[in-house]
Amino acid sequence: MQVVPKLESIEEKLRGEISTVVAEATEGRFAKMEVDLAEMRNQQYKFETCCDEAGQAQQHMQSQLGQLAATVSEHSAELSDMGKEIKSGFQNNLVKRSRTE
């Protein structure tokens, strides 16, 4: 009977073709996964860079606000001193006027 050898030959060919198709499909999937992974790494790098830049900008802004607060405090103290001087000057003028009258 020659049917069994033919069936075995057909089975062998089918197994070979199936193996080839599976291997090609698997390679394609792996290649796509590698591309996707590279894209994810690229996006992660961009995100980390963006976060680093935002952190630096926040620190710079905080530094500027600290300088502004110090300047406002200094000017406030100067204005307070000037107000005291003006008040003292008016009081001295009033005292002098009341003495002369």
PDB file of N, CA and C in Angstrom:
ATOM      1  N   MET A   1       0.835  -1.177   0.000  1.00  0.00           N
ATOM      2  CA  MET A   1       0.000   0.000   0.000  1.00  0.00           C
ATOM      3  C   MET A   1       0.876   1.236   0.000  1.00  0.00           C
ATOM      4  N   GLN A   2       0.609   2.056  -0.947  1.00  0.00           N
ATOM      5  CA  GLN A   2       1.376   3.285  -1.108  1.00  0.00           C
ATOM      6  C   GLN A   2       0.655   4.481  -0.477  1.00  0.00           C
ATOM      7  N   VAL A   3      -0.492   4.304   0.091  1.00  0.00           N
ATOM      8  CA  VAL A   3      -1.279   5.388   0.692  1.00  0.00           C
ATOM      9  C   VAL A   3      -0.588   5.910   1.942  1.00  0.00           C
ATOM     10  N   VAL A   4      -0.085   5.048   2.775  1.00  0.00           N
ATOM     11  CA  VAL A   4       0.551   5.451   4.032  1.00  0.00           C
ATOM     12  C   VAL A   4       1.794   6.293   3.765  1.00  0.00           C
ATOM     13  N   PRO A   5       2.696   5.897   2.869  1.00  0.00           N
ATOM     14  CA  PRO A   5       3.847   6.748   2.606  1.00  0.00           C
ATOM     15  C   PRO A   5       3.450   8.114   2.036  1.00  0.00           C
ATOM     16  N   LYS A   6       2.397   8.126   1.199  1.00  0.00           N
ATOM     17  CA  LYS A   6       1.940   9.406   0.650  1.00  0.00           C
ATOM     18  C   LYS A   6       1.380  10.294   1.752  1.00  0.00           C
ATOM     19  N   LEU A   7       0.614   9.683   2.656  1.00  0.00           N
ATOM     20  CA  LEU A   7       0.054  10.447   3.780  1.00  0.00           C
ATOM     21  C   LEU A   7       1.174  10.991   4.670  1.00  0.00           C
ATOM     22  N   GLU A   8       2.179  10.147   4.897  1.00  0.00           N
ATOM     23  CA  GLU A   8       3.307  10.592   5.708  1.00  0.00           C
ATOM     24  C   GLU A   8       4.053  11.728   5.018  1.00  0.00           C
ATOM     25  N   SER A   9       4.162  11.638   3.706  1.00  0.00           N
ATOM     26  CA  SER A   9       4.823  12.699   2.941  1.00  0.00           C
ATOM     27  C   SER A   9       4.027  13.996   3.000  1.00  0.00           C
ATOM     28  N   ILE A  10       2.708  13.885   2.862  1.00  0.00           N
ATOM     29  CA  ILE A  10       1.835  15.061   2.946  1.00  0.00           C
ATOM     30  C   ILE A  10       1.907  15.657   4.349  1.00  0.00           C
ATOM     31  N   GLU A  11       1.880  14.802   5.366  1.00  0.00           N
ATOM     32  CA  GLU A  11       1.965  15.261   6.760  1.00  0.00           C
ATOM     33  C   GLU A  11       3.278  15.999   6.995  1.00  0.00           C
ATOM     34  N   GLU A  12       4.351  15.455   6.482  1.00  0.00           N
ATOM     35  CA  GLU A  12       5.670  16.072   6.639  1.00  0.00           C
ATOM     36  C   GLU A  12       5.719  17.448   5.972  1.00  0.00           C
ATOM     37  N   LYS A  13       5.162  17.539   4.767  1.00  0.00           N
ATOM     38  CA  LYS A  13       5.127  18.818   4.049  1.00  0.00           C
ATOM     39  C   LYS A  13       4.283  19.841   4.818  1.00  0.00           C
ATOM     40  N   LEU A  14       3.129  19.385   5.308  1.00  0.00           N
ATOM     41  CA  LEU A  14       2.242  20.287   6.058  1.00  0.00           C
ATOM     42  C   LEU A  14       2.927  20.786   7.337  1.00  0.00           C
ATOM     43  N   ARG A  15       3.589  19.889   8.026  1.00  0.00           N
ATOM     44  CA  ARG A  15       4.316  20.294   9.241  1.00  0.00           C
ATOM     45  C   ARG A  15       5.393  21.327   8.901  1.00  0.00           C
ATOM     46  N   GLY A  16       6.096  21.098   7.812  1.00  0.00           N
ATOM     47  CA  GLY A  16       7.121  22.052   7.387  1.00  0.00           C
ATOM     48  C   GLY A  16       6.535  23.412   7.043  1.00  0.00           C
ATOM     49  N   GLU A  17       5.431  23.398   6.301  1.00  0.00           N
ATOM     50  CA  GLU A  17       4.775  24.661   5.932  1.00  0.00           C
ATOM     51  C   GLU A  17       4.221  25.372   7.159  1.00  0.00           C
ATOM     52  N   ILE A  18       3.598  24.604   8.051  1.00  0.00           N
ATOM     53  CA  ILE A  18       3.056  25.193   9.287  1.00  0.00           C
ATOM     54  C   ILE A  18       4.189  25.807  10.110  1.00  0.00           C
ATOM     55  N   SER A  19       5.278  25.093  10.228  1.00  0.00           N
ATOM     56  CA  SER A  19       6.425  25.612  10.978  1.00  0.00           C
ATOM     57  C   SER A  19       6.933  26.911  10.360  1.00  0.00           C
ATOM     58  N   THR A  20       6.987  26.949   9.040  1.00  0.00           N
ATOM     59  CA  THR A  20       7.450  28.159   8.354  1.00  0.00           C
ATOM     60  C   THR A  20       6.497  29.322   8.596  1.00  0.00           C
ATOM     61  N   VAL A  21       5.194  29.064   8.473  1.00  0.00           N
ATOM     62  CA  VAL A  21       4.188  30.121   8.675  1.00  0.00           C
ATOM     63  C   VAL A  21       4.236  30.624  10.125  1.00  0.00           C
ATOM     64  N   VAL A  22       4.315  29.715  11.063  1.00  0.00           N
ATOM     65  CA  VAL A  22       4.366  30.092  12.485  1.00  0.00           C
ATOM     66  C   VAL A  22       5.636  30.895  12.761  1.00  0.00           C
ATOM     67  N   ALA A  23       6.747  30.460  12.217  1.00  0.00           N
ATOM     68  CA  ALA A  23       8.015  31.165  12.431  1.00  0.00           C
ATOM     69  C   ALA A  23       7.952  32.574  11.856  1.00  0.00           C
ATOM     70  N   GLU A  24       7.397  32.712  10.648  1.00  0.00           N
ATOM     71  CA  GLU A  24       7.286  34.047  10.030  1.00  0.00           C
ATOM     72  C   GLU A  24       6.357  34.943  10.838  1.00  0.00           C
ATOM     73  N   ALA A  25       5.230  34.380  11.276  1.00  0.00           N
ATOM     74  CA  ALA A  25       4.279  35.157  12.073  1.00  0.00           C
ATOM     75  C   ALA A  25       4.911  35.580  13.395  1.00  0.00           C
ATOM     76  N   THR A  26       5.641  34.664  14.019  1.00  0.00           N
ATOM     77  CA  THR A  26       6.289  34.962  15.290  1.00  0.00           C
ATOM     78  C   THR A  26       7.359  36.029  15.111  1.00  0.00           C
ATOM     79  N   GLU A  27       8.139  35.921  14.056  1.00  0.00           N
ATOM     80  CA  GLU A  27       9.166  36.930  13.788  1.00  0.00           C
ATOM     81  C   GLU A  27       8.536  38.298  13.567  1.00  0.00           C
ATOM     82  N   GLY A  28       7.426  38.315  12.838  1.00  0.00           N
ATOM     83  CA  GLY A  28       6.718  39.584  12.603  1.00  0.00           C
ATOM     84  C   GLY A  28       6.217  40.193  13.897  1.00  0.00           C
ATOM     85  N   ARG A  29       5.679  39.356  14.746  1.00  0.00           N
ATOM     86  CA  ARG A  29       5.180  39.846  16.045  1.00  0.00           C
ATOM     87  C   ARG A  29       6.324  40.383  16.900  1.00  0.00           C
ATOM     88  N   PHE A  30       7.419  39.634  16.930  1.00  0.00           N
ATOM     89  CA  PHE A  30       8.566  40.092  17.715  1.00  0.00           C
ATOM     90  C   PHE A  30       9.122  41.407  17.167  1.00  0.00           C
ATOM     91  N   ALA A  31       9.170  41.512  15.853  1.00  0.00           N
ATOM     92  CA  ALA A  31       9.665  42.753  15.248  1.00  0.00           C
ATOM     93  C   ALA A  31       8.750  43.920  15.621  1.00  0.00           C
ATOM     94  N   LYS A  32       7.438  43.704  15.575  1.00  0.00           N
ATOM     95  CA  LYS A  32       6.495  44.760  15.957  1.00  0.00           C
ATOM     96  C   LYS A  32       6.638  45.102  17.438  1.00  0.00           C
ATOM     97  N   MET A  33       6.812  44.077  18.262  1.00  0.00           N
ATOM     98  CA  MET A  33       6.988  44.327  19.690  1.00  0.00           C
ATOM     99  C   MET A  33       8.269  45.122  19.958  1.00  0.00           C
ATOM    100  N   GLU A  34       9.326  44.828  19.215  1.00  0.00           N
ATOM    101  CA  GLU A  34      10.573  45.565  19.385  1.00  0.00           C
ATOM    102  C   GLU A  34      10.383  47.027  18.991  1.00  0.00           C
ATOM    103  N   VAL A  35       9.671  47.274  17.902  1.00  0.00           N
ATOM    104  CA  VAL A  35       9.393  48.651  17.475  1.00  0.00           C
ATOM    105  C   VAL A  35       8.546  49.356  18.530  1.00  0.00           C
ATOM    106  N   ASP A  36       7.502  48.673  19.017  1.00  0.00           N
ATOM    107  CA  ASP A  36       6.644  49.258  20.050  1.00  0.00           C
ATOM    108  C   ASP A  36       7.431  49.561  21.321  1.00  0.00           C
ATOM    109  N   LEU A  37       8.305  48.647  21.702  1.00  0.00           N
ATOM    110  CA  LEU A  37       9.121  48.848  22.897  1.00  0.00           C
ATOM    111  C   LEU A  37      10.062  50.037  22.726  1.00  0.00           C
ATOM    112  N   ALA A  38      10.660  50.152  21.553  1.00  0.00           N
ATOM    113  CA  ALA A  38      11.541  51.296  21.283  1.00  0.00           C
ATOM    114  C   ALA A  38      10.750  52.595  21.349  1.00  0.00           C
ATOM    115  N   GLU A  39       9.536  52.601  20.820  1.00  0.00           N
ATOM    116  CA  GLU A  39       8.688  53.796  20.864  1.00  0.00           C
ATOM    117  C   GLU A  39       8.311  54.125  22.309  1.00  0.00           C
ATOM    118  N   MET A  40       8.007  53.109  23.096  1.00  0.00           N
ATOM    119  CA  MET A  40       7.671  53.341  24.510  1.00  0.00           C
ATOM    120  C   MET A  40       8.868  53.934  25.258  1.00  0.00           C
ATOM    121  N   ARG A  41      10.057  53.446  24.985  1.00  0.00           N
ATOM    122  CA  ARG A  41      11.260  53.986  25.624  1.00  0.00           C
ATOM    123  C   ARG A  41      11.469  55.436  25.212  1.00  0.00           C
ATOM    124  N   ASN A  42      11.232  55.730  23.943  1.00  0.00           N
ATOM    125  CA  ASN A  42      11.369  57.089  23.453  1.00  0.00           C
ATOM    126  C   ASN A  42      10.365  58.025  24.143  1.00  0.00           C
ATOM    127  N   GLN A  43       9.133  57.574  24.260  1.00  0.00           N
ATOM    128  CA  GLN A  43       8.108  58.376  24.935  1.00  0.00           C
ATOM    129  C   GLN A  43       8.447  58.558  26.413  1.00  0.00           C
ATOM    130  N   GLN A  44       8.965  57.515  27.052  1.00  0.00           N
ATOM    131  CA  GLN A  44       9.358  57.616  28.461  1.00  0.00           C
ATOM    132  C   GLN A  44      10.469  58.642  28.626  1.00  0.00           C
ATOM    133  N   TYR A  45      11.444  58.622  27.710  1.00  0.00           N
ATOM    134  CA  TYR A  45      12.546  59.592  27.763  1.00  0.00           C
ATOM    135  C   TYR A  45      12.006  61.019  27.620  1.00  0.00           C
ATOM    136  N   LYS A  46      11.087  61.211  26.672  1.00  0.00           N
ATOM    137  CA  LYS A  46      10.493  62.536  26.487  1.00  0.00           C
ATOM    138  C   LYS A  46       9.744  62.970  27.747  1.00  0.00           C
ATOM    139  N   PHE A  47       9.001  62.044  28.346  1.00  0.00           N
ATOM    140  CA  PHE A  47       8.242  62.353  29.557  1.00  0.00           C
ATOM    141  C   PHE A  47       9.175  62.724  30.703  1.00  0.00           C
ATOM    142  N   GLU A  48      10.243  61.932  30.885  1.00  0.00           N
ATOM    143  CA  GLU A  48      11.202  62.218  31.954  1.00  0.00           C
ATOM    144  C   GLU A  48      11.882  63.566  31.724  1.00  0.00           C
ATOM    145  N   THR A  49      12.229  63.862  30.479  1.00  0.00           N
ATOM    146  CA  THR A  49      12.854  65.139  30.152  1.00  0.00           C
ATOM    147  C   THR A  49      11.899  66.291  30.456  1.00  0.00           C
ATOM    148  N   CYS A  50      10.652  66.101  30.079  1.00  0.00           N
ATOM    149  CA  CYS A  50       9.639  67.133  30.341  1.00  0.00           C
ATOM    150  C   CYS A  50       9.482  67.359  31.846  1.00  0.00           C
ATOM    151  N   CYS A  51       9.446  66.273  32.619  1.00  0.00           N
ATOM    152  CA  CYS A  51       9.308  66.396  34.072  1.00  0.00           C
ATOM    153  C   CYS A  51      10.532  67.071  34.684  1.00  0.00           C
ATOM    154  N   ASP A  52      11.715  66.732  34.190  1.00  0.00           N
ATOM    155  CA  ASP A  52      12.940  67.366  34.685  1.00  0.00           C
ATOM    156  C   ASP A  52      12.914  68.863  34.398  1.00  0.00           C
ATOM    157  N   GLU A  53      12.502  69.234  33.190  1.00  0.00           N
ATOM    158  CA  GLU A  53      12.442  70.647  32.827  1.00  0.00           C
ATOM    159  C   GLU A  53      11.406  71.381  33.670  1.00  0.00           C
ATOM    160  N   ALA A  54      10.272  70.732  33.916  1.00  0.00           N
ATOM    161  CA  ALA A  54       9.242  71.345  34.755  1.00  0.00           C
ATOM    162  C   ALA A  54       9.762  71.540  36.180  1.00  0.00           C
ATOM    163  N   GLY A  55      10.498  70.561  36.681  1.00  0.00           N
ATOM    164  CA  GLY A  55      11.073  70.682  38.025  1.00  0.00           C
ATOM    165  C   GLY A  55      12.082  71.812  38.107  1.00  0.00           C
ATOM    166  N   GLN A  56      12.909  71.948  37.078  1.00  0.00           N
ATOM    167  CA  GLN A  56      13.892  73.033  37.053  1.00  0.00           C
ATOM    168  C   GLN A  56      13.194  74.385  36.975  1.00  0.00           C
ATOM    169  N   ALA A  57      12.151  74.466  36.148  1.00  0.00           N
ATOM    170  CA  ALA A  57      11.404  75.722  36.026  1.00  0.00           C
ATOM    171  C   ALA A  57      10.735  76.073  37.353  1.00  0.00           C
ATOM    172  N   GLN A  58      10.216  75.059  38.046  1.00  0.00           N
ATOM    173  CA  GLN A  58       9.572  75.295  39.335  1.00  0.00           C
ATOM    174  C   GLN A  58      10.595  75.786  40.360  1.00  0.00           C
ATOM    175  N   GLN A  59      11.787  75.197  40.364  1.00  0.00           N
ATOM    176  CA  GLN A  59      12.824  75.636  41.291  1.00  0.00           C
ATOM    177  C   GLN A  59      13.253  77.071  40.982  1.00  0.00           C
ATOM    178  N   HIS A  60      13.376  77.391  39.704  1.00  0.00           N
ATOM    179  CA  HIS A  60      13.746  78.752  39.303  1.00  0.00           C
ATOM    180  C   HIS A  60      12.666  79.745  39.746  1.00  0.00           C
ATOM    181  N   MET A  61      11.406  79.375  39.528  1.00  0.00           N
ATOM    182  CA  MET A  61      10.289  80.239  39.926  1.00  0.00           C
ATOM    183  C   MET A  61      10.285  80.418  41.441  1.00  0.00           C
ATOM    184  N   GLN A  62      10.545  79.358  42.165  1.00  0.00           N
ATOM    185  CA  GLN A  62      10.573  79.430  43.625  1.00  0.00           C
ATOM    186  C   GLN A  62      11.708  80.356  44.090  1.00  0.00           C
ATOM    187  N   SER A  63      12.841  80.281  43.433  1.00  0.00           N
ATOM    188  CA  SER A  63      13.969  81.148  43.749  1.00  0.00           C
ATOM    189  C   SER A  63      13.607  82.611  43.495  1.00  0.00           C
ATOM    190  N   GLN A  64      12.964  82.860  42.359  1.00  0.00           N
ATOM    191  CA  GLN A  64      12.564  84.230  42.034  1.00  0.00           C
ATOM    192  C   GLN A  64      11.543  84.760  43.038  1.00  0.00           C
ATOM    193  N   LEU A  65      10.609  83.895  43.449  1.00  0.00           N
ATOM    194  CA  LEU A  65       9.614  84.323  44.435  1.00  0.00           C
ATOM    195  C   LEU A  65      10.277  84.624  45.781  1.00  0.00           C
ATOM    196  N   GLY A  66      11.291  83.842  46.130  1.00  0.00           N
ATOM    197  CA  GLY A  66      12.026  84.100  47.369  1.00  0.00           C
ATOM    198  C   GLY A  66      12.734  85.445  47.312  1.00  0.00           C
ATOM    199  N   GLN A  67      13.348  85.747  46.174  1.00  0.00           N
ATOM    200  CA  GLN A  67      14.012  87.048  46.004  1.00  0.00           C
ATOM    201  C   GLN A  67      12.996  88.177  46.056  1.00  0.00           C
ATOM    202  N   LEU A  68      11.854  87.978  45.415  1.00  0.00           N
ATOM    203  CA  LEU A  68      10.802  88.995  45.427  1.00  0.00           C
ATOM    204  C   LEU A  68      10.287  89.225  46.849  1.00  0.00           C
ATOM    205  N   ALA A  69      10.089  88.153  47.591  1.00  0.00           N
ATOM    206  CA  ALA A  69       9.614  88.282  48.974  1.00  0.00           C
ATOM    207  C   ALA A  69      10.638  89.040  49.823  1.00  0.00           C
ATOM    208  N   ALA A  70      11.923  88.766  49.609  1.00  0.00           N
ATOM    209  CA  ALA A  70      12.966  89.472  50.356  1.00  0.00           C
ATOM    210  C   ALA A  70      12.972  90.957  50.004  1.00  0.00           C
ATOM    211  N   THR A  71      12.810  91.275  48.720  1.00  0.00           N
ATOM    212  CA  THR A  71      12.779  92.677  48.276  1.00  0.00           C
ATOM    213  C   THR A  71      11.564  93.392  48.856  1.00  0.00           C
ATOM    214  N   VAL A  72      10.405  92.750  48.824  1.00  0.00           N
ATOM    215  CA  VAL A  72       9.190  93.351  49.383  1.00  0.00           C
ATOM    216  C   VAL A  72       9.365  93.583  50.877  1.00  0.00           C
ATOM    217  N   SER A  73       9.948  92.630  51.571  1.00  0.00           N
ATOM    218  CA  SER A  73      10.176  92.775  53.008  1.00  0.00           C
ATOM    219  C   SER A  73      11.117  93.945  53.287  1.00  0.00           C
ATOM    220  N   GLU A  74      12.174  94.038  52.502  1.00  0.00           N
ATOM    221  CA  GLU A  74      13.131  95.136  52.668  1.00  0.00           C
ATOM    222  C   GLU A  74      12.465  96.486  52.414  1.00  0.00           C
ATOM    223  N   HIS A  75      11.692  96.578  51.350  1.00  0.00           N
ATOM    224  CA  HIS A  75      11.006  97.837  51.035  1.00  0.00           C
ATOM    225  C   HIS A  75       9.966  98.172  52.096  1.00  0.00           C
ATOM    226  N   SER A  76       9.315  97.147  52.621  1.00  0.00           N
ATOM    227  CA  SER A  76       8.324  97.363  53.672  1.00  0.00           C
ATOM    228  C   SER A  76       8.986  97.960  54.911  1.00  0.00           C
ATOM    229  N   ALA A  77      10.144  97.431  55.265  1.00  0.00           N
ATOM    230  CA  ALA A  77      10.874  97.963  56.426  1.00  0.00           C
ATOM    231  C   ALA A  77      11.305  99.406  56.166  1.00  0.00           C
ATOM    232  N   GLU A  78      11.780  99.682  54.951  1.00  0.00           N
ATOM    233  CA  GLU A  78      12.192 101.050  54.611  1.00  0.00           C
ATOM    234  C   GLU A  78      11.010 102.006  54.678  1.00  0.00           C
ATOM    235  N   LEU A  79       9.849 101.564  54.161  1.00  0.00           N
ATOM    236  CA  LEU A  79       8.653 102.417  54.206  1.00  0.00           C
ATOM    237  C   LEU A  79       8.204 102.647  55.644  1.00  0.00           C
ATOM    238  N   SER A  80       8.321 101.625  56.454  1.00  0.00           N
ATOM    239  CA  SER A  80       7.955 101.781  57.857  1.00  0.00           C
ATOM    240  C   SER A  80       8.855 102.815  58.539  1.00  0.00           C
ATOM    241  N   ASP A  81      10.167 102.716  58.261  1.00  0.00           N
ATOM    242  CA  ASP A  81      11.107 103.691  58.826  1.00  0.00           C
ATOM    243  C   ASP A  81      10.802 105.094  58.325  1.00  0.00           C
ATOM    244  N   MET A  82      10.502 105.220  57.038  1.00  0.00           N
ATOM    245  CA  MET A  82      10.186 106.544  56.481  1.00  0.00           C
ATOM    246  C   MET A  82       8.913 107.105  57.111  1.00  0.00           C
ATOM    247  N   GLY A  83       7.934 106.211  57.323  1.00  0.00           N
ATOM    248  CA  GLY A  83       6.685 106.649  57.960  1.00  0.00           C
ATOM    249  C   GLY A  83       6.949 107.164  59.367  1.00  0.00           C
ATOM    250  N   LYS A  84       7.832 106.474  60.092  1.00  0.00           N
ATOM    251  CA  LYS A  84       8.175 106.912  61.447  1.00  0.00           C
ATOM    252  C   LYS A  84       8.881 108.264  61.413  1.00  0.00           C
ATOM    253  N   GLU A  85       9.785 108.432  60.435  1.00  0.00           N
ATOM    254  CA  GLU A  85      10.500 109.705  60.307  1.00  0.00           C
ATOM    255  C   GLU A  85       9.538 110.845  59.985  1.00  0.00           C
ATOM    256  N   ILE A  86       8.605 110.584  59.080  1.00  0.00           N
ATOM    257  CA  ILE A  86       7.626 111.619  58.713  1.00  0.00           C
ATOM    258  C   ILE A  86       6.760 111.963  59.911  1.00  0.00           C
ATOM    259  N   LYS A  87       6.299 110.949  60.617  1.00  0.00           N
ATOM    260  CA  LYS A  87       5.465 111.172  61.794  1.00  0.00           C
ATOM    261  C   LYS A  87       6.237 111.963  62.849  1.00  0.00           C
ATOM    262  N   SER A  88       7.500 111.578  63.060  1.00  0.00           N
ATOM    263  CA  SER A  88       8.343 112.280  64.024  1.00  0.00           C
ATOM    264  C   SER A  88       8.553 113.727  63.595  1.00  0.00           C
ATOM    265  N   GLY A  89       8.760 113.948  62.288  1.00  0.00           N
ATOM    266  CA  GLY A  89       8.940 115.315  61.773  1.00  0.00           C
ATOM    267  C   GLY A  89       7.703 116.159  61.997  1.00  0.00           C
ATOM    268  N   PHE A  90       6.536 115.598  61.744  1.00  0.00           N
ATOM    269  CA  PHE A  90       5.295 116.345  61.970  1.00  0.00           C
ATOM    270  C   PHE A  90       5.119 116.662  63.454  1.00  0.00           C
ATOM    271  N   GLN A  91       5.429 115.685  64.299  1.00  0.00           N
ATOM    272  CA  GLN A  91       5.289 115.924  65.733  1.00  0.00           C
ATOM    273  C   GLN A  91       6.260 117.003  66.200  1.00  0.00           C
ATOM    274  N   ASN A  92       7.491 116.992  65.681  1.00  0.00           N
ATOM    275  CA  ASN A  92       8.470 118.031  66.040  1.00  0.00           C
ATOM    276  C   ASN A  92       7.984 119.398  65.586  1.00  0.00           C
ATOM    277  N   ASN A  93       7.402 119.463  64.370  1.00  0.00           N
ATOM    278  CA  ASN A  93       6.885 120.736  63.873  1.00  0.00           C
ATOM    279  C   ASN A  93       5.730 121.227  64.722  1.00  0.00           C
ATOM    280  N   LEU A  94       4.870 120.309  65.154  1.00  0.00           N
ATOM    281  CA  LEU A  94       3.749 120.693  66.009  1.00  0.00           C
ATOM    282  C   LEU A  94       4.245 121.195  67.355  1.00  0.00           C
ATOM    283  N   VAL A  95       5.267 120.527  67.904  1.00  0.00           N
ATOM    284  CA  VAL A  95       5.822 120.939  69.191  1.00  0.00           C
ATOM    285  C   VAL A  95       6.446 122.323  69.050  1.00  0.00           C
ATOM    286  N   LYS A  96       7.184 122.559  67.982  1.00  0.00           N
ATOM    287  CA  LYS A  96       7.811 123.865  67.754  1.00  0.00           C
ATOM    288  C   LYS A  96       6.757 124.948  67.592  1.00  0.00           C
ATOM    289  N   ARG A  97       5.695 124.654  66.880  1.00  0.00           N
ATOM    290  CA  ARG A  97       4.634 125.635  66.688  1.00  0.00           C
ATOM    291  C   ARG A  97       3.938 125.959  68.004  1.00  0.00           C
ATOM    292  N   SER A  98       3.705 124.896  68.765  1.00  0.00           N
ATOM    293  CA  SER A  98       3.002 125.145  70.016  1.00  0.00           C
ATOM    294  C   SER A  98       3.889 125.927  70.977  1.00  0.00           C
ATOM    295  N   ARG A  99       5.190 125.795  70.904  1.00  0.00           N
ATOM    296  CA  ARG A  99       6.102 126.548  71.753  1.00  0.00           C
ATOM    297  C   ARG A  99       6.179 128.006  71.335  1.00  0.00           C
ATOM    298  N   THR A 100       6.082 128.237  70.044  1.00  0.00           N
ATOM    299  CA  THR A 100       6.183 129.594  69.548  1.00  0.00           C
ATOM    300  C   THR A 100       4.882 130.335  69.694  1.00  0.00           C
ATOM    301  N   GLU A 101       3.848 129.693  69.894  1.00  0.00           N
ATOM    302  CA  GLU A 101       2.567 130.378  69.991  1.00  0.00           C
ATOM    303  C   GLU A 101       2.228 130.761  71.369  1.00  0.00           C
TER     304      GLU A 101
END
